[in-house]
Amino acid sequence: AQARGGRLMHLDYDSDADALYITFREETQGRVVSHELDERRHIDRDDLGDVGVEILQVSRGVNLTGLPRREEIAALLNAIPHTV
């Protein structure tokens, strides 16, 4: 999916872990720190801002509330067939 500024956002799903990781950008600046929104959602940030989002227990559904770039994430999720 095309992200802001022409960068590509991509999604990785691990069916064994039932976990989804959405990468906003590949290159990081400084230390990457994970911030927990709740027990199932984490945002990775570096000195420049958001790097990606991890969502656990995806088969139970995906709550986009409070996630950065949630409209883009929703479009990305809606564009792929769901098998989880």
N, C-alpha and C. Protein backbone atom coordinates (compact mmCIF):
# COMPACT_ATOMS: atom_id res chain seq x y z
N ALA A 1 0.85 -1.19 0.00
CA ALA A 1 0.00 0.00 0.00
C ALA A 1 0.88 1.24 0.00
N GLN A 2 0.46 2.23 -0.75
CA GLN A 2 1.21 3.48 -0.82
C GLN A 2 0.98 4.28 0.45
N ALA A 3 2.02 4.71 1.07
CA ALA A 3 1.91 5.48 2.31
C ALA A 3 2.19 6.95 2.02
N ARG A 4 2.03 7.77 3.05
CA ARG A 4 2.32 9.19 2.94
C ARG A 4 3.73 9.42 2.44
N GLY A 5 3.90 10.43 1.64
CA GLY A 5 5.23 10.78 1.17
C GLY A 5 5.77 9.81 0.14
N GLY A 6 4.90 8.95 -0.44
CA GLY A 6 5.34 8.03 -1.46
C GLY A 6 6.00 6.76 -0.94
N ARG A 7 6.09 6.62 0.36
CA ARG A 7 6.72 5.43 0.93
C ARG A 7 5.70 4.30 1.01
N LEU A 8 6.20 3.09 0.90
CA LEU A 8 5.32 1.94 0.97
C LEU A 8 5.18 1.45 2.41
N MET A 9 3.97 1.14 2.77
CA MET A 9 3.66 0.52 4.05
C MET A 9 3.47 -0.96 3.75
N HIS A 10 3.99 -1.85 4.60
CA HIS A 10 3.73 -3.26 4.33
C HIS A 10 3.35 -4.00 5.60
N LEU A 11 2.73 -5.13 5.37
CA LEU A 11 2.12 -5.92 6.43
C LEU A 11 2.76 -7.30 6.45
N ASP A 12 3.05 -7.81 7.64
CA ASP A 12 3.53 -9.18 7.82
C ASP A 12 2.64 -9.85 8.84
N TYR A 13 2.14 -11.05 8.49
CA TYR A 13 1.28 -11.80 9.40
C TYR A 13 1.94 -13.13 9.73
N ASP A 14 2.05 -13.43 11.01
CA ASP A 14 2.59 -14.69 11.51
C ASP A 14 1.42 -15.52 12.02
N SER A 15 1.02 -16.53 11.26
CA SER A 15 -0.16 -17.32 11.63
C SER A 15 0.09 -18.15 12.88
N ASP A 16 1.32 -18.59 13.11
CA ASP A 16 1.62 -19.36 14.32
C ASP A 16 1.43 -18.52 15.58
N ALA A 17 1.84 -17.26 15.51
CA ALA A 17 1.73 -16.36 16.66
C ALA A 17 0.41 -15.58 16.64
N ASP A 18 -0.33 -15.65 15.53
CA ASP A 18 -1.56 -14.87 15.34
C ASP A 18 -1.25 -13.39 15.58
N ALA A 19 -0.14 -12.94 14.97
CA ALA A 19 0.33 -11.57 15.16
C ALA A 19 0.54 -10.89 13.81
N LEU A 20 0.27 -9.61 13.79
CA LEU A 20 0.38 -8.80 12.59
C LEU A 20 1.35 -7.65 12.89
N TYR A 21 2.27 -7.38 11.95
CA TYR A 21 3.13 -6.21 12.08
C TYR A 21 3.00 -5.38 10.82
N ILE A 22 2.71 -4.11 11.00
CA ILE A 22 2.58 -3.18 9.89
C ILE A 22 3.74 -2.20 9.98
N THR A 23 4.59 -2.22 8.96
CA THR A 23 5.76 -1.36 8.91
C THR A 23 5.42 -0.08 8.15
N PHE A 24 5.66 1.06 8.77
CA PHE A 24 5.42 2.34 8.12
C PHE A 24 6.64 2.79 7.32
N ARG A 25 7.83 2.50 7.83
CA ARG A 25 9.06 2.85 7.13
C ARG A 25 10.18 1.92 7.60
N GLU A 26 11.06 1.61 6.67
CA GLU A 26 12.14 0.65 6.93
C GLU A 26 13.29 1.27 7.72
N GLU A 27 13.68 2.48 7.35
CA GLU A 27 14.83 3.10 7.99
C GLU A 27 14.42 3.76 9.29
N THR A 28 15.23 3.54 10.32
CA THR A 28 14.95 4.13 11.62
C THR A 28 16.02 5.15 11.97
N GLN A 29 15.67 6.04 12.88
CA GLN A 29 16.58 7.08 13.34
C GLN A 29 16.67 6.97 14.86
N GLY A 30 17.84 6.64 15.37
CA GLY A 30 18.00 6.50 16.81
C GLY A 30 17.41 5.20 17.32
N ARG A 31 17.14 5.16 18.59
CA ARG A 31 16.62 3.96 19.24
C ARG A 31 15.12 3.80 18.98
N VAL A 32 14.70 2.56 18.69
CA VAL A 32 13.28 2.25 18.51
C VAL A 32 12.74 1.76 19.85
N VAL A 33 11.65 2.37 20.30
CA VAL A 33 11.02 2.02 21.57
C VAL A 33 9.59 1.60 21.30
N SER A 34 9.17 0.50 21.94
CA SER A 34 7.81 0.00 21.79
C SER A 34 6.93 0.59 22.88
N HIS A 35 5.78 1.14 22.47
CA HIS A 35 4.81 1.72 23.40
C HIS A 35 3.56 0.86 23.38
N GLU A 36 3.13 0.40 24.54
CA GLU A 36 1.96 -0.46 24.64
C GLU A 36 0.68 0.36 24.74
N LEU A 37 -0.22 0.17 23.76
CA LEU A 37 -1.54 0.80 23.86
C LEU A 37 -2.44 -0.03 24.77
N ASP A 38 -2.36 -1.33 24.62
CA ASP A 38 -3.05 -2.29 25.47
C ASP A 38 -2.34 -3.63 25.28
N GLU A 39 -2.87 -4.69 25.87
CA GLU A 39 -2.18 -5.98 25.83
C GLU A 39 -2.07 -6.57 24.43
N ARG A 40 -2.82 -6.05 23.47
CA ARG A 40 -2.80 -6.60 22.12
C ARG A 40 -2.20 -5.67 21.06
N ARG A 41 -1.90 -4.42 21.42
CA ARG A 41 -1.44 -3.45 20.43
C ARG A 41 -0.25 -2.65 20.94
N HIS A 42 0.79 -2.58 20.09
CA HIS A 42 2.01 -1.86 20.42
C HIS A 42 2.43 -1.00 19.23
N ILE A 43 2.94 0.19 19.53
CA ILE A 43 3.45 1.09 18.50
C ILE A 43 4.95 1.24 18.71
N ASP A 44 5.72 1.02 17.64
CA ASP A 44 7.16 1.23 17.69
C ASP A 44 7.47 2.63 17.17
N ARG A 45 8.26 3.38 17.95
CA ARG A 45 8.61 4.75 17.59
C ARG A 45 10.12 4.95 17.72
N ASP A 46 10.64 5.83 16.87
CA ASP A 46 12.03 6.25 16.99
C ASP A 46 12.07 7.77 17.10
N ASP A 47 13.24 8.36 16.89
CA ASP A 47 13.39 9.81 17.02
C ASP A 47 12.55 10.60 16.03
N LEU A 48 12.19 9.99 14.90
CA LEU A 48 11.41 10.67 13.87
C LEU A 48 9.92 10.42 13.97
N GLY A 49 9.51 9.48 14.82
CA GLY A 49 8.08 9.19 14.96
C GLY A 49 7.77 7.71 14.84
N ASP A 50 6.60 7.42 14.30
CA ASP A 50 6.11 6.04 14.24
C ASP A 50 6.85 5.23 13.18
N VAL A 51 7.28 4.02 13.59
CA VAL A 51 7.98 3.09 12.70
C VAL A 51 7.03 1.98 12.26
N GLY A 52 6.22 1.48 13.19
CA GLY A 52 5.31 0.40 12.86
C GLY A 52 4.39 0.07 14.02
N VAL A 53 3.47 -0.86 13.76
CA VAL A 53 2.47 -1.26 14.73
C VAL A 53 2.42 -2.78 14.79
N GLU A 54 2.40 -3.33 16.00
CA GLU A 54 2.22 -4.77 16.20
C GLU A 54 0.84 -5.00 16.80
N ILE A 55 0.11 -5.95 16.22
CA ILE A 55 -1.21 -6.30 16.72
C ILE A 55 -1.22 -7.80 17.00
N LEU A 56 -1.55 -8.16 18.23
CA LEU A 56 -1.58 -9.56 18.65
C LEU A 56 -3.01 -10.09 18.64
N GLN A 57 -3.15 -11.40 18.58
CA GLN A 57 -4.46 -12.08 18.58
C GLN A 57 -5.36 -11.51 17.49
N VAL A 58 -4.82 -11.43 16.29
CA VAL A 58 -5.52 -10.84 15.15
C VAL A 58 -6.82 -11.57 14.84
N SER A 59 -6.87 -12.86 15.07
CA SER A 59 -8.08 -13.63 14.77
C SER A 59 -9.28 -13.18 15.60
N ARG A 60 -9.03 -12.45 16.68
CA ARG A 60 -10.11 -11.91 17.52
C ARG A 60 -10.60 -10.56 17.00
N GLY A 61 -9.98 -10.07 15.94
CA GLY A 61 -10.35 -8.78 15.37
C GLY A 61 -9.24 -7.76 15.56
N VAL A 62 -9.34 -6.67 14.84
CA VAL A 62 -8.33 -5.61 14.89
C VAL A 62 -9.01 -4.31 15.30
N ASN A 63 -8.58 -3.76 16.42
CA ASN A 63 -9.09 -2.48 16.92
C ASN A 63 -8.15 -1.38 16.44
N LEU A 64 -8.64 -0.51 15.58
CA LEU A 64 -7.81 0.56 15.02
C LEU A 64 -7.82 1.83 15.87
N THR A 65 -8.67 1.90 16.87
CA THR A 65 -8.78 3.09 17.72
C THR A 65 -7.43 3.40 18.37
N GLY A 66 -6.99 4.63 18.22
CA GLY A 66 -5.75 5.07 18.85
C GLY A 66 -4.49 4.74 18.07
N LEU A 67 -4.62 4.02 16.95
CA LEU A 67 -3.44 3.69 16.15
C LEU A 67 -3.11 4.85 15.21
N PRO A 68 -1.83 5.10 14.99
CA PRO A 68 -1.47 6.12 14.00
C PRO A 68 -1.82 5.61 12.61
N ARG A 69 -2.18 6.52 11.73
CA ARG A 69 -2.45 6.19 10.32
C ARG A 69 -3.52 5.10 10.18
N ARG A 70 -4.52 5.16 11.05
CA ARG A 70 -5.53 4.09 11.06
C ARG A 70 -6.32 3.99 9.77
N GLU A 71 -6.52 5.12 9.07
CA GLU A 71 -7.23 5.05 7.79
C GLU A 71 -6.42 4.26 6.77
N GLU A 72 -5.11 4.48 6.76
CA GLU A 72 -4.23 3.74 5.85
C GLU A 72 -4.17 2.27 6.23
N ILE A 73 -4.14 1.98 7.53
CA ILE A 73 -4.13 0.59 7.99
C ILE A 73 -5.43 -0.09 7.59
N ALA A 74 -6.55 0.58 7.77
CA ALA A 74 -7.85 0.01 7.40
C ALA A 74 -7.88 -0.30 5.91
N ALA A 75 -7.39 0.62 5.08
CA ALA A 75 -7.37 0.39 3.63
C ALA A 75 -6.48 -0.79 3.28
N LEU A 76 -5.34 -0.91 3.94
CA LEU A 76 -4.43 -2.03 3.71
C LEU A 76 -5.09 -3.34 4.08
N LEU A 77 -5.73 -3.39 5.25
CA LEU A 77 -6.39 -4.61 5.70
C LEU A 77 -7.57 -4.97 4.80
N ASN A 78 -8.31 -3.98 4.34
CA ASN A 78 -9.46 -4.24 3.47
C ASN A 78 -9.06 -4.70 2.08
N ALA A 79 -7.83 -4.41 1.68
CA ALA A 79 -7.36 -4.76 0.33
C ALA A 79 -6.87 -6.19 0.22
N ILE A 80 -6.73 -6.88 1.35
CA ILE A 80 -6.23 -8.25 1.30
C ILE A 80 -7.32 -9.22 1.73
N PRO A 81 -7.29 -10.44 1.18
CA PRO A 81 -8.27 -11.44 1.63
C PRO A 81 -7.96 -11.85 3.07
N HIS A 82 -8.98 -11.94 3.89
CA HIS A 82 -8.79 -12.32 5.29
C HIS A 82 -9.01 -13.82 5.43
N THR A 83 -8.00 -14.47 5.98
CA THR A 83 -8.12 -15.91 6.23
C THR A 83 -7.93 -16.22 7.70
N VAL A 84 -7.84 -15.18 8.51
CA VAL A 84 -7.64 -15.38 9.96
C VAL A 84 -8.95 -15.25 10.69
